[in-house]
């Protein structure tokens, strides 16, 4: 990639064709229904565009954390099934039910609220969540039997429809995840004993969907993988047959020739070793570039790889490019598709001591997203 639209300082380009291809590839691999997770603005890629691309690639359902995210997708014209599973205390589900948003249910109060929001011609559609060892939300075994019995009663009355049961895995180890799966399957049997027969069962996200076929059941929730990123420390996106969809780049804003010993950015944590050229890149921690990657984050300018020199500031950082012929307006690529020569998101995550999920989701609203379909 090269060149910027007029007046653009920084941008994240989103290759929706990559999202579509990644979903198609993973759908073939897992062989079951795919629920594409587009929470947190599609992991920073844009929820509506990511949803549309995922559906085009073969996903049949979408997942978000909260109802507001689901309603925003409806307003954007997305009419596919959407599941929302994290609710505010004492939430009212009327608009969600009216808009056909499916509700993740983690305790009895939520079940009753879902039933209260139903109408004669539109029962609330719910997925019952089981707590299987992650220590977060979900029905504990002692509460689950009460909820199963009440859900069966409400379903017979036409107040709700129990479409699914689900849980989350810790991705700690195969043994831990298989133990959680066993607890989940015990819950499914208990639900069946209460008279429930949910069509969908889902517990696996990208990690387990790829590595633990036993956890695929008849539906998987794919998040990170559809954006072309790997959840594994020992395998890259390319190893998994995935293409990263986001490229973060900026136009070099200033170039300065400086002598040896020049301090760079706040705190002078970097001083030039010799006469050199400094290039200013207009991206900073206000844009989601992690300050923890100061002095370490990789950047490609003019086809050459450098590292951030000194501290990343709120709006900008500096790259020491030596004697390279860098000019104002040249493209600086922070991350993208490594097969095309860009640094990877994972390299930035490693430099910041975090995970690739966080790097893409924290890219701020000040960075325009431009959709491509390369």
Protein backbone atom coordinates (compact mmCIF):
# COMPACT_ATOMS: atom_id res chain seq x y z
CA UNK A 1 0.00 0.00 0.00
CA UNK A 2 1.12 3.54 -0.62
CA UNK A 3 -0.32 7.01 -0.69
CA UNK A 4 -2.94 8.60 1.51
CA UNK A 5 -6.26 10.24 0.72
CA UNK A 6 -5.88 14.04 0.75
CA UNK A 7 -5.71 15.42 4.26
CA UNK A 8 -5.39 12.03 5.95
CA UNK A 9 -2.72 11.83 8.65
CA UNK A 10 -3.38 8.34 9.97
CA UNK A 11 -5.71 5.49 9.15
CA UNK A 12 -6.53 1.85 9.65
CA UNK A 13 -7.43 0.11 6.43
CA UNK A 14 -9.82 -2.82 6.83
CA UNK A 15 -9.69 -5.56 4.22
CA UNK A 16 -13.22 -6.95 4.35
CA UNK A 17 -12.26 -9.53 1.74
CA UNK A 18 -9.81 -10.97 4.27
CA UNK A 19 -12.56 -11.25 6.91
CA UNK A 20 -14.81 -13.01 4.41
CA UNK A 21 -12.03 -15.40 3.36
CA UNK A 22 -11.03 -16.12 6.96
CA UNK A 23 -14.59 -17.06 7.88
CA UNK A 24 -14.91 -19.25 4.80
CA UNK A 25 -11.64 -20.99 5.62
CA UNK A 26 -12.53 -21.56 9.28
CA UNK A 27 -16.06 -22.67 8.40
CA UNK A 28 -14.61 -25.42 6.22
CA UNK A 29 -12.22 -26.41 9.01
CA UNK A 30 -14.74 -26.67 11.82
CA UNK A 31 -17.63 -28.12 9.82
CA UNK A 32 -20.34 -26.66 12.09
CA UNK A 33 -22.41 -23.49 12.31
CA UNK A 34 -20.34 -20.33 12.82
CA UNK A 35 -21.35 -17.48 15.11
CA UNK A 36 -19.09 -14.55 14.21
CA UNK A 37 -18.19 -12.37 17.18
CA UNK A 38 -18.26 -8.66 16.29
CA UNK A 39 -18.27 -7.12 19.77
CA UNK A 40 -16.10 -4.10 20.62
CA UNK A 41 -16.72 -2.63 17.17
CA UNK A 42 -15.64 -5.83 15.50
CA UNK A 43 -12.42 -6.04 17.51
CA UNK A 44 -11.69 -2.51 16.29
CA UNK A 45 -12.39 -3.28 12.63
CA UNK A 46 -15.94 -1.90 12.56
CA UNK A 47 -18.87 -4.00 13.71
CA UNK A 48 -21.23 -3.55 10.76
CA UNK A 49 -18.61 -4.06 8.05
CA UNK A 50 -17.17 -7.06 9.90
CA UNK A 51 -20.63 -8.55 10.36
CA UNK A 52 -21.49 -8.17 6.69
CA UNK A 53 -18.18 -9.72 5.62
CA UNK A 54 -18.51 -12.61 8.09
CA UNK A 55 -22.02 -13.39 6.88
CA UNK A 56 -20.80 -13.31 3.28
CA UNK A 57 -18.10 -15.79 4.26
CA UNK A 58 -20.58 -18.30 5.66
CA UNK A 59 -21.29 -17.28 9.24
CA UNK A 60 -24.98 -17.69 10.04
CA UNK A 61 -25.13 -15.79 13.32
CA UNK A 62 -23.43 -12.90 15.11
CA UNK A 63 -22.36 -12.37 18.69
CA UNK A 64 -21.83 -9.21 20.73
CA UNK A 65 -21.29 -8.49 24.40
CA UNK A 66 -24.19 -6.14 25.09
CA UNK A 67 -27.57 -5.21 23.73
CA UNK A 68 -26.56 -1.72 22.59
CA UNK A 69 -24.03 -3.31 20.24
CA UNK A 70 -26.75 -5.60 18.86
CA UNK A 71 -29.19 -2.73 18.34
CA UNK A 72 -26.52 -0.73 16.52
CA UNK A 73 -26.14 -3.63 14.08
CA UNK A 74 -29.89 -3.68 13.54
CA UNK A 75 -29.83 0.05 12.79
CA UNK A 76 -27.04 -0.61 10.29
CA UNK A 77 -29.34 -2.99 8.43
CA UNK A 78 -27.95 -6.30 9.71
CA UNK A 79 -30.91 -8.71 9.99
CA UNK A 80 -29.06 -11.94 10.82
CA UNK A 81 -29.54 -13.57 14.23
CA UNK A 82 -27.55 -11.73 16.92
CA UNK A 83 -26.77 -13.00 20.41
CA UNK A 84 -25.93 -10.56 23.26
CA UNK A 85 -24.74 -12.11 26.52
CA UNK A 86 -23.50 -9.49 28.99
CA UNK A 87 -26.28 -7.40 30.54
CA UNK A 88 -26.52 -4.47 32.92
CA UNK A 89 -28.05 -5.15 36.34
CA UNK A 90 -31.85 -5.03 36.19
CA UNK A 91 -31.74 -4.71 32.41
CA UNK A 92 -35.01 -4.43 30.50
CA UNK A 93 -35.10 -6.52 27.35
CA UNK A 94 -38.11 -5.03 25.58
CA UNK A 95 -36.32 -3.39 22.66
CA UNK A 96 -33.96 -6.33 22.27
CA UNK A 97 -36.86 -8.78 21.99
CA UNK A 98 -38.72 -6.45 19.64
CA UNK A 99 -35.64 -6.30 17.40
CA UNK A 100 -35.11 -10.05 17.46
CA UNK A 101 -31.93 -9.96 19.53
CA UNK A 102 -31.23 -13.27 21.24
CA UNK A 103 -30.34 -13.05 24.92
CA UNK A 104 -27.66 -14.88 26.86
CA UNK A 105 -29.12 -15.79 30.25
CA UNK A 106 -26.82 -16.20 33.25
CA UNK A 107 -29.26 -16.16 36.19
CA UNK A 108 -32.93 -16.46 37.08
CA UNK A 109 -33.62 -12.71 37.20
CA UNK A 110 -32.48 -12.39 33.60
CA UNK A 111 -34.72 -15.26 32.55
CA UNK A 112 -37.72 -13.60 34.20
CA UNK A 113 -36.87 -10.27 32.58
CA UNK A 114 -36.68 -11.95 29.18
CA UNK A 115 -40.08 -13.56 29.71
CA UNK A 116 -41.53 -10.23 30.83
CA UNK A 117 -40.33 -8.62 27.60
CA UNK A 118 -41.97 -11.21 25.37
CA UNK A 119 -45.20 -10.62 23.47
CA UNK A 120 -47.86 -13.00 22.23
CA UNK A 121 -46.37 -13.07 18.74
CA UNK A 122 -42.70 -12.67 19.70
CA UNK A 123 -41.36 -14.79 22.56
CA UNK A 124 -37.89 -13.92 23.85
CA UNK A 125 -35.24 -16.16 22.28
CA UNK A 126 -32.62 -17.15 24.84
CA UNK A 127 -29.36 -19.05 25.18
CA UNK A 128 -28.76 -20.38 28.69
CA UNK A 129 -25.17 -19.87 29.81
CA UNK A 130 -23.51 -22.37 32.13
CA UNK A 131 -20.60 -21.61 34.44
CA UNK A 132 -18.10 -24.36 33.67
CA UNK A 133 -15.02 -23.19 35.53
CA UNK A 134 -14.04 -19.73 34.28
CA UNK A 135 -15.40 -18.04 37.41
CA UNK A 136 -17.36 -15.43 35.50
CA UNK A 137 -21.07 -15.25 34.70
CA UNK A 138 -23.27 -18.24 33.94
CA UNK A 139 -25.52 -20.65 35.80
CA UNK A 140 -23.82 -22.57 38.58
CA UNK A 141 -25.02 -26.17 38.93
CA UNK A 142 -27.14 -25.46 42.02
CA UNK A 143 -28.98 -22.62 40.25
CA UNK A 144 -29.07 -24.26 36.85
CA UNK A 145 -31.68 -26.88 37.75
CA UNK A 146 -34.05 -24.18 39.05
CA UNK A 147 -33.55 -22.12 35.89
CA UNK A 148 -33.98 -25.16 33.64
CA UNK A 149 -37.29 -26.01 35.26
CA UNK A 150 -38.54 -22.43 35.01
CA UNK A 151 -37.30 -22.07 31.44
CA UNK A 152 -39.16 -25.24 30.47
CA UNK A 153 -42.33 -23.89 32.07
CA UNK A 154 -42.02 -20.52 30.34
CA UNK A 155 -41.31 -22.21 27.03
CA UNK A 156 -44.48 -24.30 27.33
CA UNK A 157 -46.40 -21.06 27.94
CA UNK A 158 -44.90 -19.52 24.81
CA UNK A 159 -43.10 -16.77 26.77
CA UNK A 160 -39.58 -17.76 25.75
CA UNK A 161 -37.83 -20.05 23.30
CA UNK A 162 -34.65 -21.74 24.50
CA UNK A 163 -32.61 -21.83 21.31
CA UNK A 164 -29.17 -22.48 22.76
CA UNK A 165 -26.91 -23.39 25.63
CA UNK A 166 -23.38 -22.09 25.86
CA UNK A 167 -20.32 -21.45 27.98
CA UNK A 168 -16.77 -20.11 27.69
CA UNK A 169 -13.43 -21.93 27.90
CA UNK A 170 -10.31 -20.71 29.68
CA UNK A 171 -7.81 -21.83 26.99
CA UNK A 172 -5.48 -22.78 29.84
CA UNK A 173 -4.75 -26.29 28.58
CA UNK A 174 -6.47 -29.04 26.64
CA UNK A 175 -7.13 -30.85 29.92
CA UNK A 176 -8.76 -27.80 31.50
CA UNK A 177 -10.90 -27.14 28.45
CA UNK A 178 -12.02 -30.76 28.16
CA UNK A 179 -12.95 -30.73 31.85
CA UNK A 180 -15.05 -27.63 31.22
CA UNK A 181 -16.64 -29.35 28.23
CA UNK A 182 -17.56 -32.33 30.44
CA UNK A 183 -19.23 -29.97 32.94
CA UNK A 184 -21.08 -28.32 30.08
CA UNK A 185 -22.34 -31.64 28.75
CA UNK A 186 -23.57 -32.55 32.23
CA UNK A 187 -25.55 -29.32 32.18
CA UNK A 188 -27.01 -30.13 28.77
CA UNK A 189 -28.19 -33.49 30.11
CA UNK A 190 -29.73 -31.80 33.14
CA UNK A 191 -31.54 -29.36 30.86
CA UNK A 192 -32.87 -32.24 28.79
CA UNK A 193 -34.16 -33.91 31.96
CA UNK A 194 -36.10 -30.70 32.66
CA UNK A 195 -37.68 -30.86 29.22
CA UNK A 196 -35.44 -28.49 27.28
CA UNK A 197 -34.09 -29.30 23.84
CA UNK A 198 -32.01 -26.33 22.66
CA UNK A 199 -30.92 -26.60 19.04
CA UNK A 200 -27.56 -24.86 19.47
CA UNK A 201 -24.71 -25.78 21.80
CA UNK A 202 -21.58 -23.63 21.71
CA UNK A 203 -18.53 -23.40 23.94
CA UNK A 204 -15.51 -23.02 21.62
CA UNK A 205 -13.97 -19.76 20.44
CA UNK A 206 -11.19 -19.57 17.83
CA UNK A 207 -8.53 -21.30 19.96
CA UNK A 208 -10.50 -24.42 20.85
CA UNK A 209 -12.41 -24.48 17.55
CA UNK A 210 -9.10 -24.99 15.77
CA UNK A 211 -7.24 -27.18 18.26
CA UNK A 212 -9.91 -29.17 20.12
CA UNK A 213 -12.42 -30.68 17.69
CA UNK A 214 -14.37 -32.19 20.62
CA UNK A 215 -15.43 -28.70 21.65
CA UNK A 216 -16.96 -27.72 18.31
CA UNK A 217 -20.31 -29.32 19.17
CA UNK A 218 -22.77 -27.92 16.59
CA UNK A 219 -21.74 -24.25 16.72
CA UNK A 220 -18.56 -22.26 17.39
CA UNK A 221 -18.06 -18.59 18.25
CA UNK A 222 -15.24 -17.22 16.13
CA UNK A 223 -13.78 -13.85 17.06
CA UNK A 224 -10.04 -13.27 16.77
CA UNK A 225 -9.60 -15.72 13.91
CA UNK A 226 -12.06 -14.03 11.57
CA UNK A 227 -9.93 -10.88 11.72
CA UNK A 228 -6.93 -12.94 10.60
CA UNK A 229 -5.09 -13.09 13.92
CA UNK A 230 -3.74 -16.17 15.67
CA UNK A 231 -4.62 -17.06 19.26
CA UNK A 232 -1.53 -19.25 19.52
CA UNK A 233 1.97 -18.28 20.61
CA UNK A 234 3.56 -20.93 18.39
CA UNK A 235 1.61 -20.39 15.15
CA UNK A 236 1.23 -17.29 13.04
CA UNK A 237 -1.77 -16.17 11.04
CA UNK A 238 -0.15 -17.54 7.90
CA UNK A 239 0.43 -20.89 9.61
CA UNK A 240 -3.34 -21.05 10.20
CA UNK A 241 -4.24 -19.97 6.68
CA UNK A 242 -5.55 -16.60 7.84
CA UNK A 243 -5.02 -13.06 6.53
CA UNK A 244 -4.87 -10.09 8.95
CA UNK A 245 -7.60 -7.65 8.00
CA UNK A 246 -6.30 -4.45 9.62
CA UNK A 247 -3.32 -2.36 8.54
CA UNK A 248 -2.41 0.60 10.74
CA UNK A 249 -0.39 3.31 9.04
CA UNK A 250 0.37 7.02 9.08
CA UNK A 251 2.04 9.64 6.92
CA UNK A 252 5.40 10.83 8.22
CA UNK A 253 4.69 14.31 9.58
CA UNK A 254 8.20 15.72 9.98
CA UNK A 255 11.82 14.80 9.22
CA UNK A 256 14.77 16.25 11.13
CA UNK A 257 18.51 15.74 10.76
CA UNK A 258 20.16 15.76 14.21
CA UNK A 259 23.65 15.34 15.65
CA UNK A 260 24.95 12.56 17.86
CA UNK A 261 23.67 12.77 21.43
CA UNK A 262 20.28 14.24 20.52
CA UNK A 263 17.63 13.32 23.06
CA UNK A 264 14.42 11.93 21.63
CA UNK A 265 10.91 12.36 23.07
CA UNK A 266 9.96 12.64 26.74
CA UNK A 267 12.50 11.53 29.30
CA UNK A 268 15.29 11.16 26.72
CA UNK A 269 15.16 7.39 27.04
CA UNK A 270 16.75 7.36 23.58
CA UNK A 271 19.75 9.46 22.55
CA UNK A 272 21.16 9.27 19.06
CA UNK A 273 24.42 7.38 18.76
CA UNK A 274 25.57 9.43 15.74
CA UNK A 275 24.32 12.01 13.30
CA UNK A 276 21.04 10.65 12.03
CA UNK A 277 17.59 11.42 10.71
CA UNK A 278 14.50 11.36 12.91
CA UNK A 279 11.07 10.78 11.39
CA UNK A 280 7.93 11.82 13.27
CA UNK A 281 4.93 9.46 13.02
CA UNK A 282 1.56 11.00 14.03
CA UNK A 283 0.15 8.12 16.04
CA UNK A 284 0.24 7.84 19.82
CA UNK A 285 -1.36 6.29 22.83
CA UNK A 286 -4.49 8.41 22.33
CA UNK A 287 -4.90 6.42 19.12
CA UNK A 288 -4.36 3.13 20.91
CA UNK A 289 -0.67 2.69 20.16
CA UNK A 290 0.57 1.14 23.42
CA UNK A 291 2.98 3.36 25.34
CA UNK A 292 4.41 0.17 26.82
CA UNK A 293 5.93 -0.51 23.38
CA UNK A 294 8.14 2.59 23.63
CA UNK A 295 11.59 1.84 22.27
CA UNK A 296 10.46 -1.48 20.90
CA UNK A 297 7.43 -1.27 18.58
CA UNK A 298 8.30 -2.14 14.95
CA UNK A 299 7.61 0.26 12.07
CA UNK A 300 8.23 -0.08 8.33
CA UNK A 301 9.07 3.06 6.35
CA UNK A 302 10.15 2.89 2.73
CA UNK A 303 10.35 -0.88 2.88
CA UNK A 304 12.85 -0.81 5.77
CA UNK A 305 12.11 -1.94 9.29
CA UNK A 306 12.82 0.25 12.32
CA UNK A 307 11.78 0.46 15.95
CA UNK A 308 10.21 3.29 17.89
CA UNK A 309 12.94 5.55 19.28
CA UNK A 310 12.19 6.74 22.79
CA UNK A 311 8.79 7.12 24.38
CA UNK A 312 5.50 6.98 22.56
CA UNK A 313 3.59 10.17 23.32
CA UNK A 314 -0.14 10.87 23.24
CA UNK A 315 -0.23 11.84 19.57
CA UNK A 316 3.10 10.84 18.05
CA UNK A 317 6.34 8.93 18.23
CA UNK A 318 9.76 9.16 16.63
CA UNK A 319 11.69 6.70 14.47
CA UNK A 320 15.46 6.92 14.07
CA UNK A 321 15.95 6.11 10.36
CA UNK A 322 19.70 6.68 10.17
CA UNK A 323 20.70 7.88 6.70
CA UNK A 324 17.66 6.51 4.87
CA UNK A 325 16.05 9.00 2.45
CA UNK A 326 12.77 9.43 4.34
CA UNK A 327 10.54 12.40 3.47
CA UNK A 328 7.42 14.05 4.85
CA UNK A 329 4.38 12.17 3.56
CA UNK A 330 6.10 8.78 3.35
CA UNK A 331 4.05 5.87 4.61
CA UNK A 332 4.87 4.43 8.05
CA UNK A 333 3.26 1.03 8.64
CA UNK A 334 2.93 -0.13 12.23
CA UNK A 335 1.25 -3.44 11.53
CA UNK A 336 -0.62 -5.36 8.88
CA UNK A 337 -0.13 -8.56 6.92
CA UNK A 338 3.41 -9.90 7.50
CA UNK A 339 3.30 -11.79 4.20
CA UNK A 340 3.21 -8.36 2.51
CA UNK A 341 6.15 -7.06 4.52
CA UNK A 342 4.33 -5.34 7.38
CA UNK A 343 5.09 -5.97 11.05
CA UNK A 344 2.50 -8.20 12.71
CA UNK A 345 0.02 -7.22 15.38
CA UNK A 346 1.61 -9.89 17.54
CA UNK A 347 4.99 -8.16 17.34
CA UNK A 348 3.39 -5.01 18.78
CA UNK A 349 1.68 -7.10 21.43
CA UNK A 350 4.99 -8.69 22.40
CA UNK A 351 6.68 -5.29 22.51
CA UNK A 352 3.95 -4.01 24.84
CA UNK A 353 3.72 -7.15 26.99
CA UNK A 354 0.11 -7.81 26.00
CA UNK A 355 -1.92 -9.85 23.48
CA UNK A 356 -2.88 -9.19 19.88
CA UNK A 357 -6.58 -8.99 20.83
CA UNK A 358 -5.85 -5.87 22.88
CA UNK A 359 -3.76 -4.13 20.25
CA UNK A 360 -6.46 -4.12 17.57
CA UNK A 361 -9.40 -3.44 19.88
CA UNK A 362 -7.73 -0.41 21.47
CA UNK A 363 -7.16 1.48 18.18
CA UNK A 364 -9.07 4.67 18.89
CA UNK A 365 -11.89 6.54 17.18
CA UNK A 366 -9.47 9.28 16.06
CA UNK A 367 -8.03 6.79 13.57
CA UNK A 368 -10.32 6.70 10.51
CA UNK A 369 -11.19 3.25 9.20
CA UNK A 370 -11.11 2.86 5.42
CA UNK A 371 -12.64 -0.25 3.96
CA UNK A 372 -10.83 -2.13 1.22
CA UNK A 373 -11.54 -5.46 -0.43
CA UNK A 374 -8.11 -6.47 -1.68
